[in-house]
Every structure is written in C-alpha cells, then in structure tokens.
C-alpha atoms as a PDB file:
ATOM      1  CA  MET A   1       2.178  83.873  -4.971  1.00  0.00           C
ATOM      2  CA  ALA A   2      -0.253  83.694  -2.113  1.00  0.00           C
ATOM      3  CA  ASN A   3      -0.444  85.080   1.395  1.00  0.00           C
ATOM      4  CA  VAL A   4       0.015  82.387   4.037  1.00  0.00           C
ATOM      5  CA  MET A   5       0.085  82.459   7.806  1.00  0.00           C
ATOM      6  CA  ILE A   6       2.734  80.593   9.765  1.00  0.00           C
ATOM      7  CA  ARG A   7       2.168  80.012  13.465  1.00  0.00           C
ATOM      8  CA  LYS A   8       2.984  77.530  16.219  1.00  0.00           C
ATOM      9  CA  ASP A   9       0.395  75.072  17.523  1.00  0.00           C
ATOM     10  CA  PRO A  10       0.036  74.329  21.275  1.00  0.00           C
ATOM     11  CA  ASN A  11       2.659  71.555  20.919  1.00  0.00           C
ATOM     12  CA  GLY A  12       5.211  73.994  19.456  1.00  0.00           C
ATOM     13  CA  LYS A  13       5.070  72.640  15.881  1.00  0.00           C
ATOM     14  CA  LEU A  14       4.950  75.077  12.961  1.00  0.00           C
ATOM     15  CA  VAL A  15       1.611  75.274  11.139  1.00  0.00           C
ATOM     16  CA  PHE A  16       1.130  76.596   7.578  1.00  0.00           C
ATOM     17  CA  TYR A  17      -2.285  78.072   6.674  1.00  0.00           C
ATOM     18  CA  LEU A  18      -3.305  79.035   3.144  1.00  0.00           C
ATOM     19  CA  ALA A  19      -6.740  80.699   3.267  1.00  0.00           C
ATOM     20  CA  LYS A  20      -7.335  80.580  -0.523  1.00  0.00           C
ATOM     21  CA  LYS A  21      -7.436  76.777  -0.439  1.00  0.00           C
ATOM     22  CA  ASP A  22      -8.459  76.421   3.221  1.00  0.00           C
ATOM     23  CA  LEU A  23      -5.270  74.388   3.648  1.00  0.00           C
ATOM     24  CA  GLU A  24      -3.821  73.932   7.116  1.00  0.00           C
ATOM     25  CA  ALA A  25      -0.813  71.628   7.434  1.00  0.00           C
ATOM     26  CA  HIS A  26       2.161  71.092   9.713  1.00  0.00           C
ATOM     27  CA  ILE A  27       5.575  72.096   8.398  1.00  0.00           C
ATOM     28  CA  LEU A  28       7.835  69.033   8.422  1.00  0.00           C
ATOM     29  CA  ALA A  29      10.984  70.746   7.145  1.00  0.00           C
ATOM     30  CA  ILE A  30      12.119  74.328   6.728  1.00  0.00           C
ATOM     31  CA  GLU A  31      15.305  75.347   4.941  1.00  0.00           C
ATOM     32  CA  HIS A  32      16.260  78.184   7.337  1.00  0.00           C
ATOM     33  CA  ASP A  33      15.054  78.252  10.940  1.00  0.00           C
ATOM     34  CA  ASP A  34      17.848  79.561  13.129  1.00  0.00           C
ATOM     35  CA  ALA A  35      19.361  82.794  14.450  1.00  0.00           C
ATOM     36  CA  GLU A  36      20.561  83.647  10.921  1.00  0.00           C
ATOM     37  CA  GLY A  37      17.097  83.675   9.347  1.00  0.00           C
ATOM     38  CA  PHE A  38      13.733  82.065   8.734  1.00  0.00           C
ATOM     39  CA  GLY A  39      12.226  80.803   5.480  1.00  0.00           C
ATOM     40  CA  GLY A  40      13.320  79.184   2.261  1.00  0.00           C
ATOM     41  CA  GLU A  41      11.806  75.900   1.114  1.00  0.00           C
ATOM     42  CA  LEU A  42       9.012  74.506   3.299  1.00  0.00           C
ATOM     43  CA  THR A  43       7.848  70.885   3.154  1.00  0.00           C
ATOM     44  CA  LEU A  44       4.341  70.234   4.473  1.00  0.00           C
ATOM     45  CA  ASP A  45       2.946  67.038   5.978  1.00  0.00           C
ATOM     46  CA  ASP A  46       0.746  66.510   2.894  1.00  0.00           C
ATOM     47  CA  GLY A  47       3.876  66.357   0.694  1.00  0.00           C
ATOM     48  CA  SER A  48       3.510  69.777  -0.944  1.00  0.00           C
ATOM     49  CA  ARG A  49       6.379  72.254  -0.995  1.00  0.00           C
ATOM     50  CA  TYR A  50       6.354  76.045  -0.864  1.00  0.00           C
ATOM     51  CA  TYR A  51       9.018  78.749  -0.945  1.00  0.00           C
ATOM     52  CA  VAL A  52       9.076  81.744   1.399  1.00  0.00           C
ATOM     53  CA  ASP A  53      11.718  84.449   0.957  1.00  0.00           C
ATOM     54  CA  PRO A  54      14.128  84.162   3.924  1.00  0.00           C
ATOM     55  CA  LEU A  55      13.569  86.755   6.638  1.00  0.00           C
ATOM     56  CA  THR A  56      16.411  88.166   8.716  1.00  0.00           C
ATOM     57  CA  PRO A  57      16.219  88.390  11.702  1.00  0.00           C
ATOM     58  CA  PRO A  58      13.734  85.577  12.436  1.00  0.00           C
ATOM     59  CA  PRO A  59      10.230  87.016  12.984  1.00  0.00           C
ATOM     60  CA  LYS A  60       7.902  86.568  15.928  1.00  0.00           C
ATOM     61  CA  LEU A  61       5.109  84.147  15.127  1.00  0.00           C
ATOM     62  CA  PRO A  62       2.353  84.212  13.960  1.00  0.00           C
ATOM     63  CA  ILE A  63       3.325  85.974  10.746  1.00  0.00           C
ATOM     64  CA  THR A  64       1.750  86.426   7.315  1.00  0.00           C
ATOM     65  CA  VAL A  65       4.156  86.063   4.371  1.00  0.00           C
ATOM     66  CA  ARG A  66       4.030  85.565   0.605  1.00  0.00           C
ATOM     67  CA  ALA A  67       4.638  81.957  -0.478  1.00  0.00           C
ATOM     68  CA  ARG A  68       5.113  80.323  -3.864  1.00  0.00           C
ATOM     69  CA  ARG A  69       4.278  76.688  -4.587  1.00  0.00           C
ATOM     70  CA  LEU A  70       7.223  74.608  -5.805  1.00  0.00           C
END
C-alpha cells in the first residue's frame, strides 16, 4: 500500500498523485463519491486501478490516503 494524494484540479476533476512513482492522473471513475462516502475502486485515465478504503463522511479535498493497486 502506498500513500496517495487526491485533489481537485482547477476544472473540478479529481486528480490522483502517487509520489513514489511520480504518477499524476485524472480519476475517471470512483466507486463511492456521494453523501454516503468516498472511496472504493478508482479507475485512472492511464487504465490503472487502485483501491482506497471508503471514508464516511466524505472528506474535504485535498486528502492523503492509503491506496492499493488492483
């Protein structure tokens, strides 16, 4: 598992940043992103997928979380 930062870009899209690999990619799909919670399976624009434990209530962004590659 690695620490990743999730933030919003100026256009309001979610951005995933993994410092270990200097990877910055937009999040195309997220399993949970509503009033119930935030997280689950993330699909990035480069095709890779990661899993973030769902957080309840949804956090303020930017946030650093632990992610696992799927």
